[in-house]
């Protein structure tokens, strides 16, 4: 499946149906009268966050969404049929932005969340509604209110508990493959990861979602490399894991380069808790790792973890530290119904004999 996290679409709610101009004509009834019904209501534009979607690729092939108009009013005081709502399904984490991207109009953070975005027009009045003692044969009617229309941007920000970032070739793909079932592409070259990836980590009876984004380079905020576009996917994370290649040129410089790009991007990313991790410990001795850790501490890191994404060394200690930043139950864990201990014991003692 292709990954797409931004899309521009056109929305138009349904117009209301026109009211009818009609007069009763029945055999054996001496006096007729107005009996034109009202028009039906136009369809609303509704956004709904659904489970199972993690890309906006569907909106690349369909950019125009128009709800149906309401039905015409008819004689015999019959009201026109109301048009059905047009429900647009989006992934959880989607934001609806104004056309200039300056205002967030809706934000979907939970499965099943619905927002009536554009309301359909009300149906027009038929001539029967204008009848009065002084206006016994009205011919007035209303055409129905027009629907609303606008262009909007959809932007997807993946929902994850922990974000993974670092320079290209810092070992992020190897790390996420080690701690999750994600089969991310691994290569001995920069920018192996081109789109964000999600994986579920299971550690000591806990579950949380880890997001891996493409590597950052100096000038990413100005569009260098892949740019900072994918940083939006870790805005909602509770804690960031900053991977640094221990075999790189200068870990301290790498640490400062990534943090400078976080500061340039804004959105509070630099203020998030950050676990600084020296990766690829299997390619260096412990003395060199300790020396680099001291340099990182001097550069501003609060604590430095040393791990090997390839062998798994040091990862358990890092995952323990991650758990300390998570709530009692993550969004992944709340999807599973809790099992009562007594019920579990009774189930284990049950026998068909």
C-alpha atoms as a PDB file:
ATOM      1  CA  UNK A   1       0.000   0.000   0.000  1.00  0.00           C
ATOM      2  CA  UNK A   2       1.309   3.437  -0.946  1.00  0.00           C
ATOM      3  CA  UNK A   3       1.655   5.922   1.894  1.00  0.00           C
ATOM      4  CA  UNK A   4       0.121   9.374   1.516  1.00  0.00           C
ATOM      5  CA  UNK A   5      -0.243  11.763   4.435  1.00  0.00           C
ATOM      6  CA  UNK A   6      -1.582  14.897   2.703  1.00  0.00           C
ATOM      7  CA  UNK A   7      -4.439  15.422   0.264  1.00  0.00           C
ATOM      8  CA  UNK A   8      -6.523  18.352  -0.967  1.00  0.00           C
ATOM      9  CA  UNK A   9     -10.218  17.661  -1.552  1.00  0.00           C
ATOM     10  CA  UNK A  10     -13.368  19.561  -2.548  1.00  0.00           C
ATOM     11  CA  UNK A  11     -16.527  19.244  -0.432  1.00  0.00           C
ATOM     12  CA  UNK A  12     -20.091  20.289  -1.227  1.00  0.00           C
ATOM     13  CA  UNK A  13     -23.136  19.513   0.866  1.00  0.00           C
ATOM     14  CA  UNK A  14     -26.483  18.892  -0.816  1.00  0.00           C
ATOM     15  CA  UNK A  15     -28.868  21.731  -1.623  1.00  0.00           C
ATOM     16  CA  UNK A  16     -32.377  21.689  -0.237  1.00  0.00           C
ATOM     17  CA  UNK A  17     -35.167  20.590  -2.550  1.00  0.00           C
ATOM     18  CA  UNK A  18     -37.555  23.250  -3.891  1.00  0.00           C
ATOM     19  CA  UNK A  19     -41.054  23.563  -2.503  1.00  0.00           C
ATOM     20  CA  UNK A  20     -44.003  22.752  -4.748  1.00  0.00           C
ATOM     21  CA  UNK A  21     -46.768  24.996  -6.092  1.00  0.00           C
ATOM     22  CA  UNK A  22     -49.838  22.825  -6.327  1.00  0.00           C
ATOM     23  CA  UNK A  23     -53.628  23.128  -5.925  1.00  0.00           C
ATOM     24  CA  UNK A  24     -55.989  20.387  -5.010  1.00  0.00           C
ATOM     25  CA  UNK A  25     -58.121  19.145  -7.891  1.00  0.00           C
ATOM     26  CA  UNK A  26     -60.524  16.387  -6.841  1.00  0.00           C
ATOM     27  CA  UNK A  27     -63.807  15.304  -8.308  1.00  0.00           C
ATOM     28  CA  UNK A  28     -66.909  16.078  -6.248  1.00  0.00           C
ATOM     29  CA  UNK A  29     -64.968  18.538  -4.042  1.00  0.00           C
ATOM     30  CA  UNK A  30     -66.283  22.025  -4.720  1.00  0.00           C
ATOM     31  CA  UNK A  31     -63.413  24.076  -3.302  1.00  0.00           C
ATOM     32  CA  UNK A  32     -59.804  23.265  -3.880  1.00  0.00           C
ATOM     33  CA  UNK A  33     -56.825  24.888  -2.218  1.00  0.00           C
ATOM     34  CA  UNK A  34     -53.033  24.963  -2.093  1.00  0.00           C
ATOM     35  CA  UNK A  35     -51.428  21.616  -1.268  1.00  0.00           C
ATOM     36  CA  UNK A  36     -47.813  21.994  -2.394  1.00  0.00           C
ATOM     37  CA  UNK A  37     -45.395  20.283  -0.009  1.00  0.00           C
ATOM     38  CA  UNK A  38     -42.001  21.423   1.235  1.00  0.00           C
ATOM     39  CA  UNK A  39     -38.707  20.323  -0.285  1.00  0.00           C
ATOM     40  CA  UNK A  40     -36.435  17.796   1.395  1.00  0.00           C
ATOM     41  CA  UNK A  41     -33.191  18.605   3.229  1.00  0.00           C
ATOM     42  CA  UNK A  42     -29.900  18.217   1.387  1.00  0.00           C
ATOM     43  CA  UNK A  43     -27.299  15.701   2.528  1.00  0.00           C
ATOM     44  CA  UNK A  44     -24.614  16.633   5.059  1.00  0.00           C
ATOM     45  CA  UNK A  45     -20.873  16.058   4.610  1.00  0.00           C
ATOM     46  CA  UNK A  46     -19.733  13.910   7.554  1.00  0.00           C
ATOM     47  CA  UNK A  47     -16.203  12.810   8.434  1.00  0.00           C
ATOM     48  CA  UNK A  48     -15.733   9.579  10.385  1.00  0.00           C
ATOM     49  CA  UNK A  49     -12.517   8.135  11.826  1.00  0.00           C
ATOM     50  CA  UNK A  50     -12.338   4.399  11.201  1.00  0.00           C
ATOM     51  CA  UNK A  51     -10.006   1.613  12.210  1.00  0.00           C
ATOM     52  CA  UNK A  52      -7.803  -0.163   9.704  1.00  0.00           C
ATOM     53  CA  UNK A  53      -6.671   2.848   7.661  1.00  0.00           C
ATOM     54  CA  UNK A  54      -3.208   4.382   7.946  1.00  0.00           C
ATOM     55  CA  UNK A  55      -2.891   6.340   4.700  1.00  0.00           C
ATOM     56  CA  UNK A  56      -4.793   8.929   2.657  1.00  0.00           C
ATOM     57  CA  UNK A  57      -3.999   7.219  -0.643  1.00  0.00           C
ATOM     58  CA  UNK A  58      -7.726   6.882  -1.501  1.00  0.00           C
ATOM     59  CA  UNK A  59      -7.985  10.665  -1.774  1.00  0.00           C
ATOM     60  CA  UNK A  60      -5.386  10.762  -4.532  1.00  0.00           C
ATOM     61  CA  UNK A  61      -7.867   9.167  -6.933  1.00  0.00           C
ATOM     62  CA  UNK A  62     -11.053  10.837  -5.665  1.00  0.00           C
ATOM     63  CA  UNK A  63     -10.867  14.526  -4.763  1.00  0.00           C
ATOM     64  CA  UNK A  64     -14.470  15.723  -5.195  1.00  0.00           C
ATOM     65  CA  UNK A  65     -17.187  14.819  -2.702  1.00  0.00           C
ATOM     66  CA  UNK A  66     -20.707  16.094  -3.302  1.00  0.00           C
ATOM     67  CA  UNK A  67     -23.747  15.099  -1.239  1.00  0.00           C
ATOM     68  CA  UNK A  68     -27.086  14.669  -2.993  1.00  0.00           C
ATOM     69  CA  UNK A  69     -29.741  17.378  -2.996  1.00  0.00           C
ATOM     70  CA  UNK A  70     -33.089  17.024  -1.283  1.00  0.00           C
ATOM     71  CA  UNK A  71     -36.161  15.844  -3.142  1.00  0.00           C
ATOM     72  CA  UNK A  72     -38.778  18.171  -4.646  1.00  0.00           C
ATOM     73  CA  UNK A  73     -41.929  18.905  -2.705  1.00  0.00           C
ATOM     74  CA  UNK A  74     -45.070  17.522  -4.351  1.00  0.00           C
ATOM     75  CA  UNK A  75     -48.818  18.015  -4.364  1.00  0.00           C
ATOM     76  CA  UNK A  76     -51.135  16.553  -1.756  1.00  0.00           C
ATOM     77  CA  UNK A  77     -48.884  18.095   0.911  1.00  0.00           C
ATOM     78  CA  UNK A  78     -46.084  15.616   0.237  1.00  0.00           C
ATOM     79  CA  UNK A  79     -42.664  16.658   1.550  1.00  0.00           C
ATOM     80  CA  UNK A  80     -39.665  15.828  -0.607  1.00  0.00           C
ATOM     81  CA  UNK A  81     -37.310  13.080   0.520  1.00  0.00           C
ATOM     82  CA  UNK A  82     -34.290  14.123   2.542  1.00  0.00           C
ATOM     83  CA  UNK A  83     -30.951  13.246   0.923  1.00  0.00           C
ATOM     84  CA  UNK A  84     -28.639  10.785   2.709  1.00  0.00           C
ATOM     85  CA  UNK A  85     -25.505  12.110   4.384  1.00  0.00           C
ATOM     86  CA  UNK A  86     -22.212  11.604   2.580  1.00  0.00           C
ATOM     87  CA  UNK A  87     -19.861   9.932   5.088  1.00  0.00           C
ATOM     88  CA  UNK A  88     -16.134  10.284   4.324  1.00  0.00           C
ATOM     89  CA  UNK A  89     -14.000   7.726   6.174  1.00  0.00           C
ATOM     90  CA  UNK A  90     -10.529   8.849   7.262  1.00  0.00           C
ATOM     91  CA  UNK A  91      -7.752   7.224   9.322  1.00  0.00           C
ATOM     92  CA  UNK A  92      -7.486   7.955  13.022  1.00  0.00           C
ATOM     93  CA  UNK A  93      -5.074  10.858  13.441  1.00  0.00           C
ATOM     94  CA  UNK A  94      -6.370  12.842  10.450  1.00  0.00           C
ATOM     95  CA  UNK A  95      -6.693  16.603  10.675  1.00  0.00           C
ATOM     96  CA  UNK A  96      -8.903  18.709   8.395  1.00  0.00           C
ATOM     97  CA  UNK A  97      -7.204  22.016   7.573  1.00  0.00           C
ATOM     98  CA  UNK A  98      -8.443  25.129   5.830  1.00  0.00           C
ATOM     99  CA  UNK A  99      -7.391  25.687   2.228  1.00  0.00           C
ATOM    100  CA  UNK A 100      -4.528  27.945   3.323  1.00  0.00           C
ATOM    101  CA  UNK A 101      -3.460  25.357   5.963  1.00  0.00           C
ATOM    102  CA  UNK A 102      -3.615  28.039   8.648  1.00  0.00           C
ATOM    103  CA  UNK A 103      -6.538  26.650  10.688  1.00  0.00           C
ATOM    104  CA  UNK A 104      -7.322  23.185  12.021  1.00  0.00           C
ATOM    105  CA  UNK A 105     -11.039  22.664  11.388  1.00  0.00           C
ATOM    106  CA  UNK A 106     -11.341  19.132  12.783  1.00  0.00           C
ATOM    107  CA  UNK A 107      -9.040  16.634  14.482  1.00  0.00           C
ATOM    108  CA  UNK A 108      -9.831  12.908  14.655  1.00  0.00           C
ATOM    109  CA  UNK A 109      -8.071  11.092  17.482  1.00  0.00           C
ATOM    110  CA  UNK A 110     -10.473   8.244  18.321  1.00  0.00           C
ATOM    111  CA  UNK A 111     -12.039   5.388  16.379  1.00  0.00           C
ATOM    112  CA  UNK A 112     -15.683   6.107  15.601  1.00  0.00           C
ATOM    113  CA  UNK A 113     -15.392   9.876  16.051  1.00  0.00           C
ATOM    114  CA  UNK A 114     -17.785  11.702  13.712  1.00  0.00           C
ATOM    115  CA  UNK A 115     -18.057  15.372  12.762  1.00  0.00           C
ATOM    116  CA  UNK A 116     -20.793  16.947  10.644  1.00  0.00           C
ATOM    117  CA  UNK A 117     -18.506  19.160   8.621  1.00  0.00           C
ATOM    118  CA  UNK A 118     -20.893  20.804   6.136  1.00  0.00           C
ATOM    119  CA  UNK A 119     -24.642  20.873   6.667  1.00  0.00           C
ATOM    120  CA  UNK A 120     -27.032  20.339   3.787  1.00  0.00           C
ATOM    121  CA  UNK A 121     -29.409  23.101   2.794  1.00  0.00           C
ATOM    122  CA  UNK A 122     -32.943  23.200   4.196  1.00  0.00           C
ATOM    123  CA  UNK A 123     -35.768  22.366   1.841  1.00  0.00           C
ATOM    124  CA  UNK A 124     -37.826  25.200   0.407  1.00  0.00           C
ATOM    125  CA  UNK A 125     -41.394  25.908   1.535  1.00  0.00           C
ATOM    126  CA  UNK A 126     -44.274  24.796  -0.635  1.00  0.00           C
ATOM    127  CA  UNK A 127     -47.251  27.046  -1.340  1.00  0.00           C
ATOM    128  CA  UNK A 128     -49.409  25.220   1.224  1.00  0.00           C
ATOM    129  CA  UNK A 129     -47.308  26.737   4.003  1.00  0.00           C
ATOM    130  CA  UNK A 130     -48.203  30.253   2.827  1.00  0.00           C
ATOM    131  CA  UNK A 131     -51.963  29.688   3.094  1.00  0.00           C
ATOM    132  CA  UNK A 132     -53.801  32.101   5.379  1.00  0.00           C
ATOM    133  CA  UNK A 133     -57.213  33.679   5.772  1.00  0.00           C
ATOM    134  CA  UNK A 134     -56.131  36.596   3.603  1.00  0.00           C
ATOM    135  CA  UNK A 135     -54.031  34.589   1.155  1.00  0.00           C
ATOM    136  CA  UNK A 136     -56.136  31.613   0.168  1.00  0.00           C
ATOM    137  CA  UNK A 137     -54.488  30.797  -3.149  1.00  0.00           C
ATOM    138  CA  UNK A 138     -50.774  31.508  -2.648  1.00  0.00           C
ATOM    139  CA  UNK A 139     -48.356  30.803  -5.440  1.00  0.00           C
ATOM    140  CA  UNK A 140     -45.254  31.588  -3.447  1.00  0.00           C
ATOM    141  CA  UNK A 141     -42.655  28.909  -2.889  1.00  0.00           C
ATOM    142  CA  UNK A 142     -38.988  28.686  -1.999  1.00  0.00           C
ATOM    143  CA  UNK A 143     -36.308  27.047  -4.149  1.00  0.00           C
ATOM    144  CA  UNK A 144     -34.446  25.525  -1.189  1.00  0.00           C
ATOM    145  CA  UNK A 145     -31.223  26.690   0.445  1.00  0.00           C
ATOM    146  CA  UNK A 146     -27.992  25.987  -1.434  1.00  0.00           C
ATOM    147  CA  UNK A 147     -25.431  23.628   0.065  1.00  0.00           C
ATOM    148  CA  UNK A 148     -22.096  24.717   1.483  1.00  0.00           C
ATOM    149  CA  UNK A 149     -18.856  24.138  -0.391  1.00  0.00           C
ATOM    150  CA  UNK A 150     -15.142  24.502   0.281  1.00  0.00           C
ATOM    151  CA  UNK A 151     -11.687  23.119  -0.436  1.00  0.00           C
ATOM    152  CA  UNK A 152      -9.845  21.588   2.506  1.00  0.00           C
ATOM    153  CA  UNK A 153      -6.575  19.807   3.173  1.00  0.00           C
ATOM    154  CA  UNK A 154      -6.413  16.461   4.919  1.00  0.00           C
ATOM    155  CA  UNK A 155      -3.259  15.817   6.896  1.00  0.00           C
ATOM    156  CA  UNK A 156      -2.511  12.539   8.618  1.00  0.00           C
ATOM    157  CA  UNK A 157      -0.531  12.471  11.851  1.00  0.00           C
ATOM    158  CA  UNK A 158       0.008   8.882  12.880  1.00  0.00           C
ATOM    159  CA  UNK A 159      -0.958   8.094  16.458  1.00  0.00           C
ATOM    160  CA  UNK A 160       1.998   6.573  18.283  1.00  0.00           C
ATOM    161  CA  UNK A 161       3.158   6.507  21.886  1.00  0.00           C
ATOM    162  CA  UNK A 162       6.880   6.622  21.099  1.00  0.00           C
ATOM    163  CA  UNK A 163       8.708   8.295  18.226  1.00  0.00           C
ATOM    164  CA  UNK A 164      12.003   7.143  16.710  1.00  0.00           C
ATOM    165  CA  UNK A 165      14.288   9.694  15.072  1.00  0.00           C
ATOM    166  CA  UNK A 166      17.890  10.278  14.125  1.00  0.00           C
ATOM    167  CA  UNK A 167      20.209  10.942  11.213  1.00  0.00           C
ATOM    168  CA  UNK A 168      20.035   8.709   8.133  1.00  0.00           C
ATOM    169  CA  UNK A 169      21.737   5.320   8.628  1.00  0.00           C
ATOM    170  CA  UNK A 170      21.514   5.567  12.430  1.00  0.00           C
ATOM    171  CA  UNK A 171      20.035   2.055  12.564  1.00  0.00           C
ATOM    172  CA  UNK A 172      16.385   2.978  13.075  1.00  0.00           C
ATOM    173  CA  UNK A 173      15.046   0.270  10.744  1.00  0.00           C
ATOM    174  CA  UNK A 174      17.160  -2.408  12.408  1.00  0.00           C
ATOM    175  CA  UNK A 175      16.004  -1.219  15.815  1.00  0.00           C
ATOM    176  CA  UNK A 176      12.282  -1.248  14.984  1.00  0.00           C
ATOM    177  CA  UNK A 177      12.674  -4.715  13.448  1.00  0.00           C
ATOM    178  CA  UNK A 178      14.304  -5.874  16.691  1.00  0.00           C
ATOM    179  CA  UNK A 179      11.577  -4.652  19.046  1.00  0.00           C
ATOM    180  CA  UNK A 180       8.473  -5.118  16.830  1.00  0.00           C
ATOM    181  CA  UNK A 181       7.175  -7.419  14.090  1.00  0.00           C
ATOM    182  CA  UNK A 182       7.647  -4.678  11.508  1.00  0.00           C
ATOM    183  CA  UNK A 183       9.670  -5.816   8.513  1.00  0.00           C
ATOM    184  CA  UNK A 184      11.256  -2.496   7.637  1.00  0.00           C
ATOM    185  CA  UNK A 185      13.758  -2.357   4.805  1.00  0.00           C
ATOM    186  CA  UNK A 186      17.374  -2.366   6.008  1.00  0.00           C
ATOM    187  CA  UNK A 187      20.288  -1.230   3.858  1.00  0.00           C
ATOM    188  CA  UNK A 188      23.849   0.025   4.190  1.00  0.00           C
ATOM    189  CA  UNK A 189      22.978   3.414   2.732  1.00  0.00           C
ATOM    190  CA  UNK A 190      21.182   6.569   3.779  1.00  0.00           C
ATOM    191  CA  UNK A 191      17.413   7.092   3.485  1.00  0.00           C
ATOM    192  CA  UNK A 192      16.492   3.420   3.535  1.00  0.00           C
ATOM    193  CA  UNK A 193      13.231   4.528   5.170  1.00  0.00           C
ATOM    194  CA  UNK A 194      11.250   6.789   2.846  1.00  0.00           C
ATOM    195  CA  UNK A 195       7.882   6.845   4.646  1.00  0.00           C
ATOM    196  CA  UNK A 196       6.882   6.567   8.328  1.00  0.00           C
ATOM    197  CA  UNK A 197       6.378   3.075   9.740  1.00  0.00           C
ATOM    198  CA  UNK A 198       4.443   1.873  12.788  1.00  0.00           C
ATOM    199  CA  UNK A 199       5.132  -1.131  14.969  1.00  0.00           C
ATOM    200  CA  UNK A 200       3.650  -2.500  18.193  1.00  0.00           C
ATOM    201  CA  UNK A 201       6.162  -3.142  20.980  1.00  0.00           C
ATOM    202  CA  UNK A 202       5.355  -5.778  23.617  1.00  0.00           C
ATOM    203  CA  UNK A 203       7.523  -5.509  26.718  1.00  0.00           C
ATOM    204  CA  UNK A 204       6.900  -6.898  30.210  1.00  0.00           C
ATOM    205  CA  UNK A 205       3.173  -7.331  29.661  1.00  0.00           C
ATOM    206  CA  UNK A 206       2.743  -3.852  28.175  1.00  0.00           C
ATOM    207  CA  UNK A 207       1.999  -2.763  24.605  1.00  0.00           C
ATOM    208  CA  UNK A 208       2.679   0.526  22.880  1.00  0.00           C
ATOM    209  CA  UNK A 209       3.026   1.866  19.340  1.00  0.00           C
ATOM    210  CA  UNK A 210       6.429   2.938  18.015  1.00  0.00           C
ATOM    211  CA  UNK A 211       6.704   5.248  14.983  1.00  0.00           C
ATOM    212  CA  UNK A 212       9.797   5.359  12.787  1.00  0.00           C
ATOM    213  CA  UNK A 213      10.254   8.379  10.489  1.00  0.00           C
ATOM    214  CA  UNK A 214      12.797   8.963   7.700  1.00  0.00           C
ATOM    215  CA  UNK A 215      16.178  10.289   8.778  1.00  0.00           C
ATOM    216  CA  UNK A 216      16.826  13.998   9.229  1.00  0.00           C
ATOM    217  CA  UNK A 217      19.820  15.863   7.897  1.00  0.00           C
ATOM    218  CA  UNK A 218      21.079  19.375   8.407  1.00  0.00           C
ATOM    219  CA  UNK A 219      18.762  21.796   6.634  1.00  0.00           C
ATOM    220  CA  UNK A 220      15.767  19.449   6.707  1.00  0.00           C
ATOM    221  CA  UNK A 221      13.593  22.334   7.934  1.00  0.00           C
ATOM    222  CA  UNK A 222      14.447  24.123   4.677  1.00  0.00           C
ATOM    223  CA  UNK A 223      13.666  21.081   2.541  1.00  0.00           C
ATOM    224  CA  UNK A 224      17.053  19.340   2.423  1.00  0.00           C
ATOM    225  CA  UNK A 225      16.924  15.572   1.988  1.00  0.00           C
ATOM    226  CA  UNK A 226      13.379  14.325   2.491  1.00  0.00           C
ATOM    227  CA  UNK A 227      12.757  17.447   4.575  1.00  0.00           C
ATOM    228  CA  UNK A 228      10.917  17.745   7.874  1.00  0.00           C
ATOM    229  CA  UNK A 229       7.478  16.876   6.461  1.00  0.00           C
ATOM    230  CA  UNK A 230       7.229  13.613   8.389  1.00  0.00           C
ATOM    231  CA  UNK A 231       7.998  15.189  11.771  1.00  0.00           C
ATOM    232  CA  UNK A 232       4.266  15.768  12.149  1.00  0.00           C
ATOM    233  CA  UNK A 233       3.854  12.037  12.732  1.00  0.00           C
ATOM    234  CA  UNK A 234       5.684  12.217  16.050  1.00  0.00           C
ATOM    235  CA  UNK A 235       3.988  15.378  17.344  1.00  0.00           C
ATOM    236  CA  UNK A 236       1.540  13.275  19.379  1.00  0.00           C
ATOM    237  CA  UNK A 237       4.200  10.981  20.879  1.00  0.00           C
ATOM    238  CA  UNK A 238       4.789  11.005  24.627  1.00  0.00           C
ATOM    239  CA  UNK A 239       8.526  10.320  24.403  1.00  0.00           C
ATOM    240  CA  UNK A 240      11.146  10.312  21.639  1.00  0.00           C
ATOM    241  CA  UNK A 241      13.980   7.833  21.139  1.00  0.00           C
ATOM    242  CA  UNK A 242      16.920   9.611  19.530  1.00  0.00           C
ATOM    243  CA  UNK A 243      19.199   7.039  17.881  1.00  0.00           C
ATOM    244  CA  UNK A 244      22.822   8.017  17.230  1.00  0.00           C
ATOM    245  CA  UNK A 245      25.307   5.919  15.262  1.00  0.00           C
ATOM    246  CA  UNK A 246      28.250   5.145  17.523  1.00  0.00           C
ATOM    247  CA  UNK A 247      30.319   4.408  14.414  1.00  0.00           C
ATOM    248  CA  UNK A 248      29.475   7.770  12.869  1.00  0.00           C
ATOM    249  CA  UNK A 249      31.771  10.737  12.509  1.00  0.00           C
ATOM    250  CA  UNK A 250      30.820  12.627  15.701  1.00  0.00           C
ATOM    251  CA  UNK A 251      27.846  11.519  17.868  1.00  0.00           C
ATOM    252  CA  UNK A 252      27.722  14.895  19.650  1.00  0.00           C
ATOM    253  CA  UNK A 253      27.400  16.734  16.329  1.00  0.00           C
ATOM    254  CA  UNK A 254      24.706  14.279  15.209  1.00  0.00           C
ATOM    255  CA  UNK A 255      22.779  14.917  18.428  1.00  0.00           C
ATOM    256  CA  UNK A 256      22.921  18.693  17.986  1.00  0.00           C
ATOM    257  CA  UNK A 257      22.033  18.526  14.272  1.00  0.00           C
ATOM    258  CA  UNK A 258      18.801  16.615  14.880  1.00  0.00           C
ATOM    259  CA  UNK A 259      17.811  18.826  17.821  1.00  0.00           C
ATOM    260  CA  UNK A 260      18.414  21.932  15.716  1.00  0.00           C
ATOM    261  CA  UNK A 261      15.970  20.606  13.118  1.00  0.00           C
ATOM    262  CA  UNK A 262      13.405  19.822  15.846  1.00  0.00           C
ATOM    263  CA  UNK A 263      13.723  23.388  17.112  1.00  0.00           C
ATOM    264  CA  UNK A 264      13.354  24.796  13.597  1.00  0.00           C
ATOM    265  CA  UNK A 265      10.214  22.692  13.027  1.00  0.00           C
ATOM    266  CA  UNK A 266       8.608  23.802  16.295  1.00  0.00           C
ATOM    267  CA  UNK A 267       5.315  22.278  17.495  1.00  0.00           C
ATOM    268  CA  UNK A 268       6.924  21.541  20.866  1.00  0.00           C
ATOM    269  CA  UNK A 269       9.039  18.629  19.608  1.00  0.00           C
ATOM    270  CA  UNK A 270      12.202  19.884  21.280  1.00  0.00           C
ATOM    271  CA  UNK A 271      10.387  20.025  24.634  1.00  0.00           C
ATOM    272  CA  UNK A 272       9.294  16.388  24.527  1.00  0.00           C
ATOM    273  CA  UNK A 273      11.127  13.855  26.741  1.00  0.00           C
ATOM    274  CA  UNK A 274      14.008  12.456  24.720  1.00  0.00           C
ATOM    275  CA  UNK A 275      15.927   9.234  25.350  1.00  0.00           C
ATOM    276  CA  UNK A 276      19.362   9.557  23.751  1.00  0.00           C
ATOM    277  CA  UNK A 277      20.657   6.198  22.525  1.00  0.00           C
ATOM    278  CA  UNK A 278      24.077   5.237  21.156  1.00  0.00           C
ATOM    279  CA  UNK A 279      23.352   2.504  18.647  1.00  0.00           C
ATOM    280  CA  UNK A 280      25.563  -0.127  16.948  1.00  0.00           C
ATOM    281  CA  UNK A 281      27.426  -0.955  20.143  1.00  0.00           C
ATOM    282  CA  UNK A 282      28.563  -4.178  18.457  1.00  0.00           C
ATOM    283  CA  UNK A 283      30.788  -2.104  16.146  1.00  0.00           C
ATOM    284  CA  UNK A 284      32.767  -0.405  18.953  1.00  0.00           C
ATOM    285  CA  UNK A 285      34.291  -1.268  22.303  1.00  0.00           C
ATOM    286  CA  UNK A 286      32.786  -0.204  25.619  1.00  0.00           C
ATOM    287  CA  UNK A 287      35.528   2.342  26.340  1.00  0.00           C
ATOM    288  CA  UNK A 288      34.747   4.225  23.137  1.00  0.00           C
ATOM    289  CA  UNK A 289      31.037   4.026  23.933  1.00  0.00           C
ATOM    290  CA  UNK A 290      31.644   5.501  27.401  1.00  0.00           C
ATOM    291  CA  UNK A 291      33.710   8.338  25.908  1.00  0.00           C
ATOM    292  CA  UNK A 292      30.971   9.180  23.400  1.00  0.00           C
ATOM    293  CA  UNK A 293      28.350   9.027  26.157  1.00  0.00           C
ATOM    294  CA  UNK A 294      30.320  11.619  28.134  1.00  0.00           C
ATOM    295  CA  UNK A 295      30.410  13.878  25.069  1.00  0.00           C
ATOM    296  CA  UNK A 296      26.642  13.583  24.649  1.00  0.00           C
ATOM    297  CA  UNK A 297      26.075  14.414  28.306  1.00  0.00           C
ATOM    298  CA  UNK A 298      28.244  17.486  27.867  1.00  0.00           C
ATOM    299  CA  UNK A 299      26.199  18.414  24.766  1.00  0.00           C
ATOM    300  CA  UNK A 300      22.972  18.473  26.789  1.00  0.00           C
ATOM    301  CA  UNK A 301      21.672  14.906  27.006  1.00  0.00           C
ATOM    302  CA  UNK A 302      20.257  13.972  30.428  1.00  0.00           C
ATOM    303  CA  UNK A 303      21.100  10.274  30.134  1.00  0.00           C
ATOM    304  CA  UNK A 304      22.634   8.116  27.432  1.00  0.00           C
ATOM    305  CA  UNK A 305      21.733   4.491  26.680  1.00  0.00           C
ATOM    306  CA  UNK A 306      24.067   2.214  24.750  1.00  0.00           C
ATOM    307  CA  UNK A 307      22.479  -0.534  22.669  1.00  0.00           C
ATOM    308  CA  UNK A 308      22.933  -2.747  19.649  1.00  0.00           C
ATOM    309  CA  UNK A 309      19.906  -2.940  17.413  1.00  0.00           C
ATOM    310  CA  UNK A 310      21.429  -5.903  15.611  1.00  0.00           C
ATOM    311  CA  UNK A 311      22.130  -8.094  18.676  1.00  0.00           C
ATOM    312  CA  UNK A 312      19.548  -6.699  21.106  1.00  0.00           C
ATOM    313  CA  UNK A 313      22.115  -5.717  23.728  1.00  0.00           C
ATOM    314  CA  UNK A 314      20.896  -2.968  26.074  1.00  0.00           C
ATOM    315  CA  UNK A 315      17.397  -2.810  24.554  1.00  0.00           C
ATOM    316  CA  UNK A 316      15.627  -4.181  27.639  1.00  0.00           C
ATOM    317  CA  UNK A 317      16.949  -1.335  29.804  1.00  0.00           C
ATOM    318  CA  UNK A 318      15.870   1.180  27.158  1.00  0.00           C
ATOM    319  CA  UNK A 319      12.353  -0.288  26.964  1.00  0.00           C
ATOM    320  CA  UNK A 320      12.091  -0.123  30.769  1.00  0.00           C
ATOM    321  CA  UNK A 321      12.858   3.592  30.562  1.00  0.00           C
ATOM    322  CA  UNK A 322      10.233   4.058  27.823  1.00  0.00           C
ATOM    323  CA  UNK A 323       7.530   2.460  29.994  1.00  0.00           C
ATOM    324  CA  UNK A 324       8.094   5.078  32.693  1.00  0.00           C
ATOM    325  CA  UNK A 325       6.787   7.782  30.295  1.00  0.00           C
ATOM    326  CA  UNK A 326       3.628   5.926  29.273  1.00  0.00           C
ATOM    327  CA  UNK A 327       0.185   6.074  30.939  1.00  0.00           C
ATOM    328  CA  UNK A 328      -1.246   3.141  32.863  1.00  0.00           C
ATOM    329  CA  UNK A 329      -2.995   1.940  29.704  1.00  0.00           C
ATOM    330  CA  UNK A 330      -2.020   2.935  26.188  1.00  0.00           C
ATOM    331  CA  UNK A 331      -4.485   3.225  23.317  1.00  0.00           C
ATOM    332  CA  UNK A 332      -3.350  -0.188  22.065  1.00  0.00           C
ATOM    333  CA  UNK A 333      -4.009  -1.804  25.435  1.00  0.00           C
ATOM    334  CA  UNK A 334      -7.462  -0.275  25.916  1.00  0.00           C
ATOM    335  CA  UNK A 335      -8.730  -2.017  22.768  1.00  0.00           C
ATOM    336  CA  UNK A 336      -8.547  -5.365  24.587  1.00  0.00           C
ATOM    337  CA  UNK A 337     -11.233  -5.959  27.220  1.00  0.00           C
ATOM    338  CA  UNK A 338      -9.735  -6.490  30.697  1.00  0.00           C
ATOM    339  CA  UNK A 339     -10.013 -10.015  32.064  1.00  0.00           C
ATOM    340  CA  UNK A 340     -11.176 -10.431  35.644  1.00  0.00           C
ATOM    341  CA  UNK A 341      -8.781 -12.552  37.711  1.00  0.00           C
ATOM    342  CA  UNK A 342     -11.633 -14.622  39.195  1.00  0.00           C
ATOM    343  CA  UNK A 343     -13.042 -15.298  35.748  1.00  0.00           C
ATOM    344  CA  UNK A 344      -9.613 -16.345  34.517  1.00  0.00           C
ATOM    345  CA  UNK A 345      -9.234 -18.809  37.443  1.00  0.00           C
ATOM    346  CA  UNK A 346     -12.698 -20.244  36.818  1.00  0.00           C
ATOM    347  CA  UNK A 347     -11.906 -20.655  33.128  1.00  0.00           C
ATOM    348  CA  UNK A 348      -8.688 -22.501  33.924  1.00  0.00           C
ATOM    349  CA  UNK A 349     -10.507 -24.872  36.314  1.00  0.00           C
ATOM    350  CA  UNK A 350     -13.300 -25.655  33.840  1.00  0.00           C
ATOM    351  CA  UNK A 351     -13.451 -29.168  32.434  1.00  0.00           C
ATOM    352  CA  UNK A 352     -16.009 -30.878  30.181  1.00  0.00           C
ATOM    353  CA  UNK A 353     -15.872 -33.991  32.393  1.00  0.00           C
END
